[in-house]
Protein backbone atom coordinates (compact mmCIF):
# COMPACT_ATOMS: atom_id res chain seq x y z
CA UNK A 1 4.26 0.72 26.43
CA UNK A 2 1.58 -1.43 25.44
CA UNK A 3 1.58 -1.97 21.17
CA UNK A 4 -1.30 -0.07 19.37
CA UNK A 5 -3.12 -2.65 17.13
CA UNK A 6 -4.47 0.54 15.24
CA UNK A 7 -0.86 1.40 14.43
CA UNK A 8 -0.02 -2.22 13.35
CA UNK A 9 2.96 -2.30 16.29
CA UNK A 10 4.67 -5.30 16.34
CA UNK A 11 8.18 -4.60 18.14
CA UNK A 12 11.35 -6.34 17.11
CA UNK A 13 13.00 -7.29 20.41
CA UNK A 14 15.44 -10.20 19.06
CA UNK A 15 18.95 -8.71 19.37
CA UNK A 16 20.63 -11.32 16.79
CA UNK A 17 17.72 -10.23 14.16
CA UNK A 18 18.69 -6.73 14.54
CA UNK A 19 22.39 -7.65 14.55
CA UNK A 20 21.81 -9.06 11.17
CA UNK A 21 19.51 -5.88 9.73
CA UNK A 22 22.14 -3.65 10.72
CA UNK A 23 25.25 -5.60 9.56
CA UNK A 24 23.71 -5.90 6.34
CA UNK A 25 22.89 -2.41 5.77
CA UNK A 26 26.22 -1.90 7.32
CA UNK A 27 26.15 2.15 7.20
CA UNK A 28 29.17 4.30 7.52
CA UNK A 29 29.93 7.48 9.31
CA UNK A 30 29.35 9.49 6.39
CA UNK A 31 26.12 8.39 5.54
CA UNK A 32 22.61 9.32 6.40
CA UNK A 33 19.95 6.55 7.40
CA UNK A 34 16.13 7.46 7.32
CA UNK A 35 14.36 4.86 9.64
CA UNK A 36 10.49 4.16 9.14
CA UNK A 37 9.07 3.27 12.11
CA UNK A 38 11.66 3.05 14.84
CA UNK A 39 9.34 1.83 17.48
CA UNK A 40 11.31 1.62 21.05
CA UNK A 41 14.55 2.04 18.99
CA UNK A 42 15.84 -1.59 18.76
CA UNK A 43 17.33 -0.44 15.57
CA UNK A 44 17.71 2.96 15.93
CA UNK A 45 20.68 2.49 18.68
CA UNK A 46 22.53 0.19 16.54
CA UNK A 47 22.50 2.36 13.52
CA UNK A 48 23.17 5.67 15.50
CA UNK A 49 26.54 3.73 16.46
CA UNK A 50 27.42 3.23 12.55
CA UNK A 51 26.11 5.93 10.66
CA UNK A 52 26.92 9.57 10.67
CA UNK A 53 22.84 10.54 10.96
CA UNK A 54 19.99 8.51 11.37
CA UNK A 55 16.30 10.16 11.15
CA UNK A 56 13.97 8.27 12.47
CA UNK A 57 9.97 8.93 11.38
CA UNK A 58 7.72 8.06 13.96
CA UNK A 59 3.78 8.19 14.12
CA UNK A 60 3.22 7.09 17.71
CA UNK A 61 3.91 10.57 19.69
CA UNK A 62 4.39 8.28 22.81
CA UNK A 63 7.05 6.50 21.24
CA UNK A 64 8.54 9.61 19.55
CA UNK A 65 9.03 10.90 22.96
CA UNK A 66 10.61 7.75 24.57
CA UNK A 67 12.79 7.69 21.66
CA UNK A 68 13.84 11.85 22.17
CA UNK A 69 14.30 11.14 26.18
CA UNK A 70 16.56 7.66 25.23
CA UNK A 71 18.67 9.60 22.89
CA UNK A 72 18.84 13.24 23.68
CA UNK A 73 22.24 13.87 23.34
CA UNK A 74 23.19 11.98 19.81
CA UNK A 75 23.16 11.91 16.09
CA UNK A 76 19.52 11.48 15.65
CA UNK A 77 16.74 13.73 14.30
CA UNK A 78 13.35 12.55 15.13
CA UNK A 79 10.26 13.50 13.42
CA UNK A 80 6.73 12.88 14.29
CA UNK A 81 4.63 12.22 11.16
CA UNK A 82 3.31 9.54 8.98
CA UNK A 83 5.61 8.98 6.31
CA UNK A 84 2.79 8.59 4.14
CA UNK A 85 1.89 12.57 4.83
CA UNK A 86 5.45 13.25 3.84
CA UNK A 87 7.25 14.85 0.93
CA UNK A 88 10.61 12.26 1.51
CA UNK A 89 12.64 14.18 -1.19
CA UNK A 90 12.05 17.61 0.80
CA UNK A 91 13.10 15.57 4.07
CA UNK A 92 16.00 13.88 2.79
CA UNK A 93 17.01 17.34 0.99
CA UNK A 94 16.67 19.40 4.44
CA UNK A 95 18.77 16.86 6.36
CA UNK A 96 21.78 16.85 3.91
CA UNK A 97 21.84 20.54 3.90
CA UNK A 98 22.23 20.76 7.73
CA UNK A 99 24.61 18.15 7.39
CA UNK A 100 26.64 18.70 4.30
CA UNK A 101 29.50 16.39 4.99
CA UNK A 102 27.35 12.95 4.66
CA UNK A 103 26.93 11.37 0.98
CA UNK A 104 24.25 12.33 -1.29
CA UNK A 105 22.42 9.34 -1.43
CA UNK A 106 20.99 8.03 1.78
CA UNK A 107 20.18 4.35 3.16
CA UNK A 108 16.40 3.43 4.46
CA UNK A 109 15.40 1.30 7.13
CA UNK A 110 12.23 0.18 8.14
CA UNK A 111 10.06 -2.40 10.41
CA UNK A 112 6.61 -1.42 7.94
CA UNK A 113 3.29 -2.25 9.07
CA UNK A 114 1.66 -4.85 7.15
CA UNK A 115 -1.27 -2.90 6.33
CA UNK A 116 1.01 0.27 4.93
CA UNK A 117 3.75 -1.84 3.53
CA UNK A 118 2.41 -1.92 -0.09
CA UNK A 119 1.90 2.50 0.05
CA UNK A 120 5.30 2.66 1.88
CA UNK A 121 7.31 0.93 -0.39
CA UNK A 122 5.55 2.47 -3.85
CA UNK A 123 6.17 5.88 -2.04
CA UNK A 124 9.79 5.13 -1.29
CA UNK A 125 10.14 3.98 -5.08
CA UNK A 126 8.66 7.29 -6.30
CA UNK A 127 11.79 8.89 -4.15
CA UNK A 128 14.52 6.46 -5.17
CA UNK A 129 16.79 8.92 -6.89
CA UNK A 130 18.04 10.39 -3.59
CA UNK A 131 18.14 6.43 -2.25
CA UNK A 132 20.92 4.15 -2.25
CA UNK A 133 19.18 1.07 -1.04
CA UNK A 134 16.43 0.55 1.25
CA UNK A 135 16.33 -2.76 3.86
CA UNK A 136 12.91 -3.50 4.69
CA UNK A 137 11.13 -5.82 7.39
CA UNK A 138 7.73 -7.01 5.27
CA UNK A 139 5.58 -9.53 5.69
CA UNK A 140 6.60 -12.65 4.39
CA UNK A 141 4.30 -13.33 1.67
CA UNK A 142 4.85 -9.53 0.37
CA UNK A 143 8.56 -9.63 0.50
CA UNK A 144 8.12 -12.91 -1.93
CA UNK A 145 5.80 -11.05 -3.99
CA UNK A 146 8.01 -8.21 -4.62
CA UNK A 147 11.28 -10.34 -5.59
CA UNK A 148 9.13 -12.81 -7.56
CA UNK A 149 10.37 -13.48 -11.20
CA UNK A 150 7.85 -13.42 -13.91
CA UNK A 151 5.97 -16.26 -15.09
CA UNK A 152 5.19 -17.02 -11.31
CA UNK A 153 2.20 -16.62 -9.58
CA UNK A 154 3.13 -13.96 -6.85
CA UNK A 155 4.40 -11.87 -9.58
CA UNK A 156 2.39 -8.61 -9.74
CA UNK A 157 2.57 -4.65 -10.01
CA UNK A 158 4.92 -4.36 -6.88
CA UNK A 159 7.54 -6.98 -8.37
CA UNK A 160 7.81 -4.77 -11.64
CA UNK A 161 7.50 -1.59 -9.71
CA UNK A 162 10.63 -2.86 -7.20
CA UNK A 163 12.54 -4.76 -10.17
CA UNK A 164 12.77 -2.09 -12.83
CA UNK A 165 13.99 -0.14 -10.34
CA UNK A 166 16.16 -2.11 -7.88
CA UNK A 167 18.10 -4.95 -7.34
CA UNK A 168 15.86 -7.20 -5.39
CA UNK A 169 16.21 -9.37 -3.26
CA UNK A 170 15.37 -11.64 0.29
CA UNK A 171 18.03 -11.44 2.65
CA UNK A 172 16.72 -13.87 5.59
CA UNK A 173 13.40 -14.91 7.19
CA UNK A 174 12.20 -13.46 10.56
CA UNK A 175 10.05 -15.53 12.77
CA UNK A 176 6.92 -14.15 14.34
CA UNK A 177 8.75 -14.91 17.70
CA UNK A 178 11.29 -12.25 17.37
CA UNK A 179 7.90 -9.48 17.97
CA UNK A 180 6.37 -8.46 20.74
CA UNK A 181 3.20 -8.75 20.77
CA UNK A 182 4.04 -11.96 18.52
CA UNK A 183 2.39 -11.49 14.81
CA UNK A 184 0.19 -13.96 13.25
CA UNK A 185 2.79 -14.06 10.16
CA UNK A 186 6.32 -14.40 9.55
CA UNK A 187 8.43 -11.70 8.21
CA UNK A 188 11.39 -11.70 5.91
CA UNK A 189 14.24 -9.19 5.19
CA UNK A 190 13.88 -7.40 1.43
CA UNK A 191 16.58 -5.29 0.58
CA UNK A 192 16.42 -3.03 -2.56
CA UNK A 193 19.51 -1.77 -4.23
CA UNK A 194 18.51 1.15 -6.62
CA UNK A 195 20.09 0.92 -10.05
CA UNK A 196 22.06 3.83 -11.14
CA UNK A 197 20.08 3.46 -14.39
CA UNK A 198 16.58 1.67 -14.39
CA UNK A 199 16.57 -1.71 -15.87
CA UNK A 200 14.57 -0.21 -19.01
CA UNK A 201 13.66 3.61 -19.69
CA UNK A 202 10.13 4.44 -18.26
CA UNK A 203 8.94 7.35 -20.10
CA UNK A 204 6.42 8.09 -17.49
CA UNK A 205 5.96 6.57 -14.12
CA UNK A 206 2.50 7.14 -13.23
CA UNK A 207 1.67 5.99 -17.19
CA UNK A 208 3.49 2.64 -16.14
CA UNK A 209 1.31 2.36 -12.95
CA UNK A 210 -1.48 2.52 -14.55
CA UNK A 211 -0.48 0.11 -17.14
CA UNK A 212 0.29 -2.37 -14.67
CA UNK A 213 -2.67 -1.90 -12.46
CA UNK A 214 -4.75 -2.80 -15.83
CA UNK A 215 -2.75 -5.60 -16.86
CA UNK A 216 -2.95 -7.38 -13.47
CA UNK A 217 -6.70 -6.51 -12.72
CA UNK A 218 -7.81 -9.88 -14.39
CA UNK A 219 -4.84 -11.91 -13.98
CA UNK A 220 -6.61 -15.24 -16.07
CA UNK A 221 -7.20 -12.76 -18.75
CA UNK A 222 -4.83 -12.37 -22.03
CA UNK A 223 -2.80 -8.90 -21.67
CA UNK A 224 -4.80 -7.66 -24.59
CA UNK A 225 -8.43 -8.53 -22.93
CA UNK A 226 -7.26 -7.10 -19.61
CA UNK A 227 -6.55 -3.68 -21.01
CA UNK A 228 -9.35 -3.47 -23.08
CA UNK A 229 -11.31 -3.86 -19.84
CA UNK A 230 -10.30 -1.00 -18.53
CA UNK A 231 -8.71 1.15 -21.14
CA UNK A 232 -10.49 4.13 -20.23
CA UNK A 233 -9.44 3.76 -16.51
CA UNK A 234 -5.70 3.67 -17.76
CA UNK A 235 -6.35 7.04 -19.60
CA UNK A 236 -9.53 8.42 -21.36
CA UNK A 237 -7.61 8.86 -24.51
CA UNK A 238 -6.75 5.24 -24.45
CA UNK A 239 -9.36 3.20 -27.39
CA UNK A 240 -9.70 -0.42 -26.71
CA UNK A 241 -9.56 -0.69 -30.45
CA UNK A 242 -5.96 0.47 -30.53
CA UNK A 243 -4.68 -1.96 -27.89
CA UNK A 244 -3.71 -4.89 -29.83
CA UNK A 245 -1.64 -2.58 -32.52
CA UNK A 246 0.23 -0.82 -29.09
CA UNK A 247 0.85 -4.76 -28.12
CA UNK A 248 2.19 -5.44 -31.30
CA UNK A 249 4.13 -2.25 -31.23
CA UNK A 250 5.85 -3.15 -28.06
CA UNK A 251 6.26 -6.74 -29.42
CA UNK A 252 4.29 -8.58 -27.29
CA UNK A 253 1.93 -11.47 -28.02
CA UNK A 254 -1.44 -10.06 -27.16
CA UNK A 255 -2.61 -13.84 -25.97
CA UNK A 256 -0.04 -13.69 -23.23
CA UNK A 257 -1.21 -13.13 -19.44
CA UNK A 258 0.53 -9.77 -17.60
CA UNK A 259 2.50 -12.04 -15.41
CA UNK A 260 4.49 -13.48 -18.35
CA UNK A 261 5.83 -9.77 -19.21
CA UNK A 262 9.03 -8.90 -17.88
CA UNK A 263 10.13 -5.61 -16.91
CA UNK A 264 11.51 -4.45 -20.50
CA UNK A 265 8.65 -5.68 -21.89
CA UNK A 266 6.00 -3.35 -19.27
CA UNK A 267 8.52 -0.26 -19.96
CA UNK A 268 8.13 -0.72 -23.77
CA UNK A 269 4.50 -0.88 -23.60
CA UNK A 270 4.57 2.06 -21.59
CA UNK A 271 6.59 3.62 -24.35
CA UNK A 272 4.13 2.88 -26.83
CA UNK A 273 0.82 3.77 -24.96
CA UNK A 274 2.59 7.35 -23.95
CA UNK A 275 3.86 7.89 -27.84
CA UNK A 276 -0.35 6.90 -28.78
CA UNK A 277 -1.48 9.64 -26.34
CA UNK A 278 0.95 12.22 -27.31
CA UNK A 279 -0.44 11.60 -31.03
CA UNK A 280 -3.57 11.93 -30.16
CA UNK A 281 -3.50 15.06 -28.11
CA UNK A 282 -1.05 17.03 -31.25
């Protein structure tokens, strides 16, 4: 079957890479694996051999039918759907109800299309309470950005969101020649092992995201000026004249740039903004 450009399809064909990915996950017979974008089933088949059950979410109806025919009698559920349109927690709960002997924390494996990798990762992080870890094939630059430490040019919104909730590391690179058709960029395998307890307490996930978007909206500016310029977008009740006080309450020097703040500092800033907004409402 010819790859569809509109769906960003590049199929993994290198069996050595397939083996390395599955060995990195190393699922057991009492675990459920959620695979996103199974394609022709290169990873799916090996995951089925190792895991108790595999749920594969595929957007392409031709590929979904191909997988259904290929693995008709097996420990596999194929769901024809857009992962971005699915309630992941609802899907996980449904599958675990059908297979009560499996562990309640699932494993996620995905070969993510480059154009929607950020959106999918953000959605997975939002469903992290039901996930043990995620092993993701991403564009190399995206993986490096997510795993980047503070005070690095690649450090940004995704870095904070991933690292505050999970131990994040790049396992190994994957050359473009491992796919058909061959993409123009190399990939990397990124693994996110979800913490039992976040690196820092986040009082409001949505507010954290808005603060991160504001803080990194103008990277050359100080954190003070970046947040001042988008205060009303963070929250209609957030007044620009109070931002300097909120930064100081969070023990953040207003003249610093966003890329120098670590996860704990962003969490503390979110907490101070949350308390400020609560006080204004009440």
